Amino acid sequence: MKSVKKSPAKKPVAKKVVKKVVAKKPVVKKVIAKKPVVKKVAPKAAKKPVAKKAPAKKKTVSAEQRYTMVQEAAYFIAERHAFCGDNSHFWWLAEMEVSKQLD
C-alpha cells in the first residue's frame, strides 16, 4: 500500500481587510477679514489739582548789599584783565553784571 502523506490541516487564514480610500474633497477655507486690533490703553490717572503758585517775588537787595556785590564783581573783572585798565570801566561792567543777576 501506498502511503499517502497527509498535508497538515490548513488553518483558516485571516482575511486582510482592505480599507477603501476615498479621495477627500479639498477643504476650501473662507478668508475672513480680520478686524483691526485695538490696543487697550489704560485710563489715565486723574490729575490732582495743582495749587497755583504765587508770582515770584523779586528779592529786594539793600543799597549796601548791591554796592558790595558790584565791588566784588569789579574786583574779579579787573583780575581777569590782570588789573590793567580803567577802574571806572571795570566798575561799570560789574554794575551791568549785577543788574542782570538781580533782574
PDB file of N, CA and C in Angstrom:
ATOM      1  N   MET A   1       0.775  -1.124   0.000  1.00  0.00           N
ATOM      2  CA  MET A   1       0.000   0.000   0.000  1.00  0.00           C
ATOM      3  C   MET A   1       0.850   1.232   0.000  1.00  0.00           C
ATOM      4  N   LYS A   2       0.247   1.987  -0.586  1.00  0.00           N
ATOM      5  CA  LYS A   2       0.982   3.216  -0.742  1.00  0.00           C
ATOM      6  C   LYS A   2       0.679   4.110   0.438  1.00  0.00           C
ATOM      7  N   SER A   3       1.709   4.712   0.854  1.00  0.00           N
ATOM      8  CA  SER A   3       1.473   5.607   1.964  1.00  0.00           C
ATOM      9  C   SER A   3       1.155   7.000   1.418  1.00  0.00           C
ATOM     10  N   VAL A   4       0.203   7.540   1.945  1.00  0.00           N
ATOM     11  CA  VAL A   4      -0.230   8.858   1.483  1.00  0.00           C
ATOM     12  C   VAL A   4       0.168   9.850   2.574  1.00  0.00           C
ATOM     13  N   LYS A   5       0.861  10.782   2.111  1.00  0.00           N
ATOM     14  CA  LYS A   5       1.251  11.804   3.077  1.00  0.00           C
ATOM     15  C   LYS A   5       0.108  12.768   3.238  1.00  0.00           C
ATOM     16  N   LYS A   6      -0.154  12.952   4.445  1.00  0.00           N
ATOM     17  CA  LYS A   6      -1.230  13.864   4.717  1.00  0.00           C
ATOM     18  C   LYS A   6      -0.625  15.248   4.926  1.00  0.00           C
ATOM     19  N   SER A   7      -1.207  16.137   4.303  1.00  0.00           N
ATOM     20  CA  SER A   7      -0.732  17.515   4.496  1.00  0.00           C
ATOM     21  C   SER A   7      -1.327  18.037   5.796  1.00  0.00           C
ATOM     22  N   PRO A   8      -0.576  18.791   6.441  1.00  0.00           N
ATOM     23  CA  PRO A   8      -1.115  19.296   7.705  1.00  0.00           C
ATOM     24  C   PRO A   8      -2.401  20.062   7.454  1.00  0.00           C
ATOM     25  N   ALA A   9      -3.228  20.081   8.419  1.00  0.00           N
ATOM     26  CA  ALA A   9      -4.517  20.722   8.276  1.00  0.00           C
ATOM     27  C   ALA A   9      -4.312  22.218   8.089  1.00  0.00           C
ATOM     28  N   LYS A  10      -4.995  22.709   7.148  1.00  0.00           N
ATOM     29  CA  LYS A  10      -4.851  24.139   6.866  1.00  0.00           C
ATOM     30  C   LYS A  10      -5.644  24.930   7.875  1.00  0.00           C
ATOM     31  N   LYS A  11      -4.952  25.911   8.387  1.00  0.00           N
ATOM     32  CA  LYS A  11      -5.619  26.803   9.313  1.00  0.00           C
ATOM     33  C   LYS A  11      -6.314  27.873   8.515  1.00  0.00           C
ATOM     34  N   PRO A  12      -7.425  28.306   9.003  1.00  0.00           N
ATOM     35  CA  PRO A  12      -8.096  29.357   8.249  1.00  0.00           C
ATOM     36  C   PRO A  12      -7.247  30.628   8.276  1.00  0.00           C
ATOM     37  N   VAL A  13      -7.047  31.180   7.161  1.00  0.00           N
ATOM     38  CA  VAL A  13      -6.238  32.395   7.025  1.00  0.00           C
ATOM     39  C   VAL A  13      -7.145  33.599   7.232  1.00  0.00           C
ATOM     40  N   ALA A  14      -6.613  34.517   8.083  1.00  0.00           N
ATOM     41  CA  ALA A  14      -7.392  35.731   8.325  1.00  0.00           C
ATOM     42  C   ALA A  14      -7.372  36.555   7.064  1.00  0.00           C
ATOM     43  N   LYS A  15      -8.502  37.066   6.747  1.00  0.00           N
ATOM     44  CA  LYS A  15      -8.572  37.849   5.532  1.00  0.00           C
ATOM     45  C   LYS A  15      -8.059  39.249   5.800  1.00  0.00           C
ATOM     46  N   LYS A  16      -7.342  39.714   4.879  1.00  0.00           N
ATOM     47  CA  LYS A  16      -6.835  41.075   5.013  1.00  0.00           C
ATOM     48  C   LYS A  16      -7.955  42.045   4.706  1.00  0.00           C
ATOM     49  N   VAL A  17      -8.054  42.982   5.621  1.00  0.00           N
ATOM     50  CA  VAL A  17      -9.107  43.966   5.441  1.00  0.00           C
ATOM     51  C   VAL A  17      -8.517  45.111   4.641  1.00  0.00           C
ATOM     52  N   VAL A  18      -9.097  45.380   3.574  1.00  0.00           N
ATOM     53  CA  VAL A  18      -8.629  46.467   2.717  1.00  0.00           C
ATOM     54  C   VAL A  18      -9.618  47.600   2.867  1.00  0.00           C
ATOM     55  N   LYS A  19      -9.058  48.722   3.363  1.00  0.00           N
ATOM     56  CA  LYS A  19      -9.923  49.885   3.516  1.00  0.00           C
ATOM     57  C   LYS A  19      -9.928  50.634   2.215  1.00  0.00           C
ATOM     58  N   LYS A  20     -11.071  50.995   1.857  1.00  0.00           N
ATOM     59  CA  LYS A  20     -11.177  51.768   0.639  1.00  0.00           C
ATOM     60  C   LYS A  20     -10.830  53.211   0.961  1.00  0.00           C
ATOM     61  N   VAL A  21      -9.940  53.728   0.223  1.00  0.00           N
ATOM     62  CA  VAL A  21      -9.546  55.113   0.419  1.00  0.00           C
ATOM     63  C   VAL A  21     -10.378  55.955  -0.521  1.00  0.00           C
ATOM     64  N   VAL A  22     -11.137  56.806   0.128  1.00  0.00           N
ATOM     65  CA  VAL A  22     -11.991  57.679  -0.649  1.00  0.00           C
ATOM     66  C   VAL A  22     -11.266  59.007  -0.775  1.00  0.00           C
ATOM     67  N   ALA A  23     -11.134  59.484  -1.961  1.00  0.00           N
ATOM     68  CA  ALA A  23     -10.467  60.776  -2.169  1.00  0.00           C
ATOM     69  C   ALA A  23     -11.312  61.861  -1.533  1.00  0.00           C
ATOM     70  N   LYS A  24     -10.652  62.608  -0.640  1.00  0.00           N
ATOM     71  CA  LYS A  24     -11.378  63.665   0.043  1.00  0.00           C
ATOM     72  C   LYS A  24     -11.373  64.906  -0.815  1.00  0.00           C
ATOM     73  N   LYS A  25     -12.462  65.588  -0.722  1.00  0.00           N
ATOM     74  CA  LYS A  25     -12.546  66.837  -1.468  1.00  0.00           C
ATOM     75  C   LYS A  25     -11.698  67.873  -0.749  1.00  0.00           C
ATOM     76  N   PRO A  26     -10.998  68.708  -1.485  1.00  0.00           N
ATOM     77  CA  PRO A  26     -10.183  69.731  -0.813  1.00  0.00           C
ATOM     78  C   PRO A  26     -11.087  70.698  -0.045  1.00  0.00           C
ATOM     79  N   VAL A  27     -10.649  71.019   1.152  1.00  0.00           N
ATOM     80  CA  VAL A  27     -11.431  71.907   2.006  1.00  0.00           C
ATOM     81  C   VAL A  27     -11.062  73.342   1.646  1.00  0.00           C
ATOM     82  N   VAL A  28     -12.058  74.095   1.322  1.00  0.00           N
ATOM     83  CA  VAL A  28     -11.842  75.487   0.978  1.00  0.00           C
ATOM     84  C   VAL A  28     -12.153  76.315   2.210  1.00  0.00           C
ATOM     85  N   LYS A  29     -11.111  76.987   2.707  1.00  0.00           N
ATOM     86  CA  LYS A  29     -11.319  77.812   3.885  1.00  0.00           C
ATOM     87  C   LYS A  29     -11.679  79.211   3.439  1.00  0.00           C
ATOM     88  N   LYS A  30     -12.650  79.724   4.098  1.00  0.00           N
ATOM     89  CA  LYS A  30     -13.062  81.082   3.771  1.00  0.00           C
ATOM     90  C   LYS A  30     -12.122  82.053   4.467  1.00  0.00           C
ATOM     91  N   VAL A  31     -11.687  83.038   3.735  1.00  0.00           N
ATOM     92  CA  VAL A  31     -10.831  84.055   4.308  1.00  0.00           C
ATOM     93  C   VAL A  31     -11.732  85.144   4.849  1.00  0.00           C
ATOM     94  N   ILE A  32     -11.657  85.296   6.140  1.00  0.00           N
ATOM     95  CA  ILE A  32     -12.494  86.290   6.794  1.00  0.00           C
ATOM     96  C   ILE A  32     -11.617  87.486   7.102  1.00  0.00           C
ATOM     97  N   ALA A  33     -12.104  88.631   6.728  1.00  0.00           N
ATOM     98  CA  ALA A  33     -11.350  89.843   7.004  1.00  0.00           C
ATOM     99  C   ALA A  33     -11.282  90.033   8.511  1.00  0.00           C
ATOM    100  N   LYS A  34     -10.045  90.183   8.996  1.00  0.00           N
ATOM    101  CA  LYS A  34      -9.874  90.351  10.436  1.00  0.00           C
ATOM    102  C   LYS A  34     -10.138  91.791  10.822  1.00  0.00           C
ATOM    103  N   LYS A  35     -10.717  91.937  11.973  1.00  0.00           N
ATOM    104  CA  LYS A  35     -10.957  93.276  12.481  1.00  0.00           C
ATOM    105  C   LYS A  35      -9.631  93.831  12.984  1.00  0.00           C
ATOM    106  N   PRO A  36      -9.416  95.121  12.781  1.00  0.00           N
ATOM    107  CA  PRO A  36      -8.162  95.678  13.271  1.00  0.00           C
ATOM    108  C   PRO A  36      -8.088  95.561  14.796  1.00  0.00           C
ATOM    109  N   VAL A  37      -6.896  95.251  15.249  1.00  0.00           N
ATOM    110  CA  VAL A  37      -6.695  95.081  16.684  1.00  0.00           C
ATOM    111  C   VAL A  37      -6.600  96.455  17.325  1.00  0.00           C
ATOM    112  N   VAL A  38      -7.427  96.661  18.300  1.00  0.00           N
ATOM    113  CA  VAL A  38      -7.421  97.932  19.007  1.00  0.00           C
ATOM    114  C   VAL A  38      -6.716  97.703  20.334  1.00  0.00           C
ATOM    115  N   LYS A  39      -5.628  98.429  20.502  1.00  0.00           N
ATOM    116  CA  LYS A  39      -4.891  98.277  21.746  1.00  0.00           C
ATOM    117  C   LYS A  39      -5.638  99.007  22.848  1.00  0.00           C
ATOM    118  N   LYS A  40      -5.747  98.321  23.941  1.00  0.00           N
ATOM    119  CA  LYS A  40      -6.417  98.938  25.066  1.00  0.00           C
ATOM    120  C   LYS A  40      -5.418  99.784  25.823  1.00  0.00           C
ATOM    121  N   VAL A  41      -5.784 100.992  26.035  1.00  0.00           N
ATOM    122  CA  VAL A  41      -4.928 101.913  26.757  1.00  0.00           C
ATOM    123  C   VAL A  41      -5.499 102.079  28.152  1.00  0.00           C
ATOM    124  N   ALA A  42      -4.620 101.956  29.117  1.00  0.00           N
ATOM    125  CA  ALA A  42      -5.074 102.104  30.496  1.00  0.00           C
ATOM    126  C   ALA A  42      -5.563 103.527  30.703  1.00  0.00           C
ATOM    127  N   PRO A  43      -6.623 103.687  31.412  1.00  0.00           N
ATOM    128  CA  PRO A  43      -7.122 105.043  31.644  1.00  0.00           C
ATOM    129  C   PRO A  43      -6.106 105.840  32.445  1.00  0.00           C
ATOM    130  N   LYS A  44      -5.981 107.091  32.063  1.00  0.00           N
ATOM    131  CA  LYS A  44      -5.027 107.952  32.745  1.00  0.00           C
ATOM    132  C   LYS A  44      -5.546 108.263  34.136  1.00  0.00           C
ATOM    133  N   ALA A  45      -4.593 108.331  35.032  1.00  0.00           N
ATOM    134  CA  ALA A  45      -4.953 108.643  36.409  1.00  0.00           C
ATOM    135  C   ALA A  45      -5.455 110.082  36.468  1.00  0.00           C
ATOM    136  N   ALA A  46      -6.413 110.283  37.297  1.00  0.00           N
ATOM    137  CA  ALA A  46      -6.972 111.621  37.438  1.00  0.00           C
ATOM    138  C   ALA A  46      -5.898 112.554  37.979  1.00  0.00           C
ATOM    139  N   LYS A  47      -5.785 113.687  37.340  1.00  0.00           N
ATOM    140  CA  LYS A  47      -4.779 114.644  37.776  1.00  0.00           C
ATOM    141  C   LYS A  47      -5.286 115.389  39.001  1.00  0.00           C
ATOM    142  N   LYS A  48      -4.375 115.540  39.918  1.00  0.00           N
ATOM    143  CA  LYS A  48      -4.720 116.285  41.113  1.00  0.00           C
ATOM    144  C   LYS A  48      -4.634 117.762  40.777  1.00  0.00           C
ATOM    145  N   PRO A  49      -5.540 118.533  41.283  1.00  0.00           N
ATOM    146  CA  PRO A  49      -5.460 119.968  41.002  1.00  0.00           C
ATOM    147  C   PRO A  49      -4.191 120.541  41.623  1.00  0.00           C
ATOM    148  N   VAL A  50      -3.497 121.300  40.803  1.00  0.00           N
ATOM    149  CA  VAL A  50      -2.240 121.893  41.242  1.00  0.00           C
ATOM    150  C   VAL A  50      -2.534 123.279  41.783  1.00  0.00           C
ATOM    151  N   ALA A  51      -2.000 123.515  42.941  1.00  0.00           N
ATOM    152  CA  ALA A  51      -2.198 124.834  43.531  1.00  0.00           C
ATOM    153  C   ALA A  51      -1.419 125.854  42.709  1.00  0.00           C
ATOM    154  N   LYS A  52      -2.043 126.949  42.416  1.00  0.00           N
ATOM    155  CA  LYS A  52      -1.377 127.972  41.623  1.00  0.00           C
ATOM    156  C   LYS A  52      -0.295 128.623  42.458  1.00  0.00           C
ATOM    157  N   LYS A  53       0.833 128.776  41.810  1.00  0.00           N
ATOM    158  CA  LYS A  53       1.952 129.388  42.506  1.00  0.00           C
ATOM    159  C   LYS A  53       1.793 130.898  42.480  1.00  0.00           C
ATOM    160  N   ALA A  54       2.169 131.468  43.562  1.00  0.00           N
ATOM    161  CA  ALA A  54       2.125 132.923  43.642  1.00  0.00           C
ATOM    162  C   ALA A  54       3.238 133.470  42.746  1.00  0.00           C
ATOM    163  N   PRO A  55       3.019 134.620  42.140  1.00  0.00           N
ATOM    164  CA  PRO A  55       4.066 135.169  41.288  1.00  0.00           C
ATOM    165  C   PRO A  55       5.356 135.322  42.088  1.00  0.00           C
ATOM    166  N   ALA A  56       6.449 135.014  41.396  1.00  0.00           N
ATOM    167  CA  ALA A  56       7.746 135.063  42.066  1.00  0.00           C
ATOM    168  C   ALA A  56       8.024 136.483  42.548  1.00  0.00           C
ATOM    169  N   LYS A  57       8.360 136.551  43.800  1.00  0.00           N
ATOM    170  CA  LYS A  57       8.666 137.857  44.368  1.00  0.00           C
ATOM    171  C   LYS A  57      10.114 138.182  44.061  1.00  0.00           C
ATOM    172  N   LYS A  58      10.345 139.392  43.659  1.00  0.00           N
ATOM    173  CA  LYS A  58      11.712 139.816  43.409  1.00  0.00           C
ATOM    174  C   LYS A  58      12.389 140.016  44.749  1.00  0.00           C
ATOM    175  N   LYS A  59      13.589 139.505  44.800  1.00  0.00           N
ATOM    176  CA  LYS A  59      14.331 139.671  46.041  1.00  0.00           C
ATOM    177  C   LYS A  59      14.789 141.116  46.116  1.00  0.00           C
ATOM    178  N   THR A  60      14.480 141.693  47.206  1.00  0.00           N
ATOM    179  CA  THR A  60      14.913 143.078  47.375  1.00  0.00           C
ATOM    180  C   THR A  60      16.286 143.075  48.018  1.00  0.00           C
ATOM    181  N   VAL A  61      17.151 143.849  47.427  1.00  0.00           N
ATOM    182  CA  VAL A  61      18.516 143.952  47.911  1.00  0.00           C
ATOM    183  C   VAL A  61      18.717 145.383  48.366  1.00  0.00           C
ATOM    184  N   SER A  62      19.265 145.498  49.520  1.00  0.00           N
ATOM    185  CA  SER A  62      19.501 146.852  50.022  1.00  0.00           C
ATOM    186  C   SER A  62      20.626 147.502  49.225  1.00  0.00           C
ATOM    187  N   ALA A  63      20.720 148.817  49.324  1.00  0.00           N
ATOM    188  CA  ALA A  63      21.753 149.565  48.594  1.00  0.00           C
ATOM    189  C   ALA A  63      23.143 149.128  49.033  1.00  0.00           C
ATOM    190  N   GLU A  64      23.279 148.827  50.301  1.00  0.00           N
ATOM    191  CA  GLU A  64      24.587 148.405  50.814  1.00  0.00           C
ATOM    192  C   GLU A  64      24.978 147.047  50.249  1.00  0.00           C
ATOM    193  N   GLN A  65      24.013 146.113  50.175  1.00  0.00           N
ATOM    194  CA  GLN A  65      24.286 144.789  49.616  1.00  0.00           C
ATOM    195  C   GLN A  65      24.625 144.889  48.134  1.00  0.00           C
ATOM    196  N   ARG A  66      23.897 145.740  47.424  1.00  0.00           N
ATOM    197  CA  ARG A  66      24.164 145.928  45.994  1.00  0.00           C
ATOM    198  C   ARG A  66      25.560 146.492  45.781  1.00  0.00           C
ATOM    199  N   TYR A  67      25.938 147.460  46.584  1.00  0.00           N
ATOM    200  CA  TYR A  67      27.272 148.080  46.466  1.00  0.00           C
ATOM    201  C   TYR A  67      28.352 147.025  46.681  1.00  0.00           C
ATOM    202  N   THR A  68      28.169 146.155  47.683  1.00  0.00           N
ATOM    203  CA  THR A  68      29.146 145.101  47.963  1.00  0.00           C
ATOM    204  C   THR A  68      29.239 144.121  46.793  1.00  0.00           C
ATOM    205  N   MET A  69      28.100 143.787  46.209  1.00  0.00           N
ATOM    206  CA  MET A  69      28.092 142.878  45.067  1.00  0.00           C
ATOM    207  C   MET A  69      28.830 143.481  43.882  1.00  0.00           C
ATOM    208  N   VAL A  70      28.594 144.748  43.609  1.00  0.00           N
ATOM    209  CA  VAL A  70      29.263 145.427  42.494  1.00  0.00           C
ATOM    210  C   VAL A  70      30.763 145.505  42.775  1.00  0.00           C
ATOM    211  N   GLN A  71      31.119 145.787  44.014  1.00  0.00           N
ATOM    212  CA  GLN A  71      32.528 145.903  44.381  1.00  0.00           C
ATOM    213  C   GLN A  71      33.263 144.590  44.129  1.00  0.00           C
ATOM    214  N   GLU A  72      32.678 143.474  44.571  1.00  0.00           N
ATOM    215  CA  GLU A  72      33.317 142.166  44.372  1.00  0.00           C
ATOM    216  C   GLU A  72      33.393 141.810  42.894  1.00  0.00           C
ATOM    217  N   ALA A  73      32.324 142.090  42.157  1.00  0.00           N
ATOM    218  CA  ALA A  73      32.316 141.786  40.722  1.00  0.00           C
ATOM    219  C   ALA A  73      33.371 142.600  39.996  1.00  0.00           C
ATOM    220  N   ALA A  74      33.501 143.869  40.375  1.00  0.00           N
ATOM    221  CA  ALA A  74      34.501 144.725  39.737  1.00  0.00           C
ATOM    222  C   ALA A  74      35.910 144.196  40.002  1.00  0.00           C
ATOM    223  N   TYR A  75      36.136 143.702  41.203  1.00  0.00           N
ATOM    224  CA  TYR A  75      37.450 143.142  41.539  1.00  0.00           C
ATOM    225  C   TYR A  75      37.765 141.952  40.646  1.00  0.00           C
ATOM    226  N   PHE A  76      36.807 141.025  40.498  1.00  0.00           N
ATOM    227  CA  PHE A  76      37.059 139.828  39.702  1.00  0.00           C
ATOM    228  C   PHE A  76      37.208 140.151  38.220  1.00  0.00           C
ATOM    229  N   ILE A  77      36.475 141.145  37.752  1.00  0.00           N
ATOM    230  CA  ILE A  77      36.634 141.567  36.342  1.00  0.00           C
ATOM    231  C   ILE A  77      38.020 142.147  36.132  1.00  0.00           C
ATOM    232  N   ALA A  78      38.463 142.992  37.057  1.00  0.00           N
ATOM    233  CA  ALA A  78      39.804 143.584  36.955  1.00  0.00           C
ATOM    234  C   ALA A  78      40.864 142.489  37.028  1.00  0.00           C
ATOM    235  N   GLU A  79      40.629 141.490  37.848  1.00  0.00           N
ATOM    236  CA  GLU A  79      41.591 140.396  37.974  1.00  0.00           C
ATOM    237  C   GLU A  79      41.722 139.643  36.656  1.00  0.00           C
ATOM    238  N   ARG A  80      40.600 139.438  35.953  1.00  0.00           N
ATOM    239  CA  ARG A  80      40.649 138.770  34.643  1.00  0.00           C
ATOM    240  C   ARG A  80      41.462 139.560  33.641  1.00  0.00           C
ATOM    241  N   HIS A  81      41.467 140.884  33.807  1.00  0.00           N
ATOM    242  CA  HIS A  81      42.215 141.738  32.888  1.00  0.00           C
ATOM    243  C   HIS A  81      43.606 142.077  33.439  1.00  0.00           C
ATOM    244  N   ALA A  82      44.047 141.328  34.438  1.00  0.00           N
ATOM    245  CA  ALA A  82      45.373 141.499  35.060  1.00  0.00           C
ATOM    246  C   ALA A  82      45.540 142.906  35.629  1.00  0.00           C
ATOM    247  N   PHE A  83      44.457 143.477  36.113  1.00  0.00           N
ATOM    248  CA  PHE A  83      44.434 144.807  36.740  1.00  0.00           C
ATOM    249  C   PHE A  83      45.002 145.888  35.820  1.00  0.00           C
ATOM    250  N   CYS A  84      44.945 145.642  34.529  1.00  0.00           N
ATOM    251  CA  CYS A  84      45.392 146.639  33.557  1.00  0.00           C
ATOM    252  C   CYS A  84      44.151 147.261  32.933  1.00  0.00           C
ATOM    253  N   GLY A  85      43.952 148.517  33.121  1.00  0.00           N
ATOM    254  CA  GLY A  85      42.808 149.185  32.539  1.00  0.00           C
ATOM    255  C   GLY A  85      42.238 150.209  33.493  1.00  0.00           C
ATOM    256  N   ASP A  86      41.123 150.752  33.079  1.00  0.00           N
ATOM    257  CA  ASP A  86      40.478 151.820  33.833  1.00  0.00           C
ATOM    258  C   ASP A  86      39.543 151.221  34.885  1.00  0.00           C
ATOM    259  N   ASN A  87      39.696 151.668  36.145  1.00  0.00           N
ATOM    260  CA  ASN A  87      38.865 151.144  37.230  1.00  0.00           C
ATOM    261  C   ASN A  87      37.394 151.465  37.025  1.00  0.00           C
ATOM    262  N   SER A  88      37.107 152.640  36.472  1.00  0.00           N
ATOM    263  CA  SER A  88      35.702 153.006  36.268  1.00  0.00           C
ATOM    264  C   SER A  88      35.054 152.096  35.224  1.00  0.00           C
ATOM    265  N   HIS A  89      35.833 151.629  34.253  1.00  0.00           N
ATOM    266  CA  HIS A  89      35.305 150.701  33.244  1.00  0.00           C
ATOM    267  C   HIS A  89      34.961 149.363  33.910  1.00  0.00           C
ATOM    268  N   PHE A  90      35.831 148.864  34.778  1.00  0.00           N
ATOM    269  CA  PHE A  90      35.569 147.606  35.480  1.00  0.00           C
ATOM    270  C   PHE A  90      34.333 147.743  36.367  1.00  0.00           C
ATOM    271  N   TRP A  91      34.206 148.923  37.008  1.00  0.00           N
ATOM    272  CA  TRP A  91      33.057 149.163  37.879  1.00  0.00           C
ATOM    273  C   TRP A  91      31.767 149.169  37.059  1.00  0.00           C
ATOM    274  N   TRP A  92      31.808 149.818  35.899  1.00  0.00           N
ATOM    275  CA  TRP A  92      30.627 149.867  35.015  1.00  0.00           C
ATOM    276  C   TRP A  92      30.236 148.463  34.561  1.00  0.00           C
ATOM    277  N   LEU A  93      31.221 147.635  34.177  1.00  0.00           N
ATOM    278  CA  LEU A  93      30.934 146.250  33.767  1.00  0.00           C
ATOM    279  C   LEU A  93      30.321 145.453  34.926  1.00  0.00           C
ATOM    280  N   ALA A  94      30.840 145.694  36.132  1.00  0.00           N
ATOM    281  CA  ALA A  94      30.332 144.996  37.302  1.00  0.00           C
ATOM    282  C   ALA A  94      28.888 145.400  37.589  1.00  0.00           C
ATOM    283  N   GLU A  95      28.560 146.689  37.454  1.00  0.00           N
ATOM    284  CA  GLU A  95      27.183 147.132  37.684  1.00  0.00           C
ATOM    285  C   GLU A  95      26.231 146.497  36.688  1.00  0.00           C
ATOM    286  N   MET A  96      26.660 146.384  35.446  1.00  0.00           N
ATOM    287  CA  MET A  96      25.824 145.725  34.418  1.00  0.00           C
ATOM    288  C   MET A  96      25.596 144.248  34.774  1.00  0.00           C
ATOM    289  N   GLU A  97      26.640 143.581  35.199  1.00  0.00           N
ATOM    290  CA  GLU A  97      26.548 142.162  35.535  1.00  0.00           C
ATOM    291  C   GLU A  97      25.602 141.948  36.732  1.00  0.00           C
ATOM    292  N   VAL A  98      25.752 142.766  37.760  1.00  0.00           N
ATOM    293  CA  VAL A  98      24.903 142.635  38.945  1.00  0.00           C
ATOM    294  C   VAL A  98      23.453 142.958  38.621  1.00  0.00           C
ATOM    295  N   SER A  99      23.212 143.985  37.818  1.00  0.00           N
ATOM    296  CA  SER A  99      21.823 144.320  37.483  1.00  0.00           C
ATOM    297  C   SER A  99      21.160 143.208  36.682  1.00  0.00           C
ATOM    298  N   LYS A 100      21.903 142.493  35.828  1.00  0.00           N
ATOM    299  CA  LYS A 100      21.338 141.350  35.088  1.00  0.00           C
ATOM    300  C   LYS A 100      20.971 140.233  36.058  1.00  0.00           C
ATOM    301  N   GLN A 101      21.822 140.021  37.050  1.00  0.00           N
ATOM    302  CA  GLN A 101      21.565 138.952  38.013  1.00  0.00           C
ATOM    303  C   GLN A 101      20.338 139.250  38.882  1.00  0.00           C
ATOM    304  N   LEU A 102      20.162 140.492  39.216  1.00  0.00           N
ATOM    305  CA  LEU A 102      19.062 140.858  40.107  1.00  0.00           C
ATOM    306  C   LEU A 102      17.728 141.008  39.375  1.00  0.00           C
ATOM    307  N   ASP A 103      17.760 141.256  38.090  1.00  0.00           N
ATOM    308  CA  ASP A 103      16.502 141.428  37.335  1.00  0.00           C
ATOM    309  C   ASP A 103      15.912 140.137  36.916  1.00  0.00           C
TER     310      ASP A 103
END
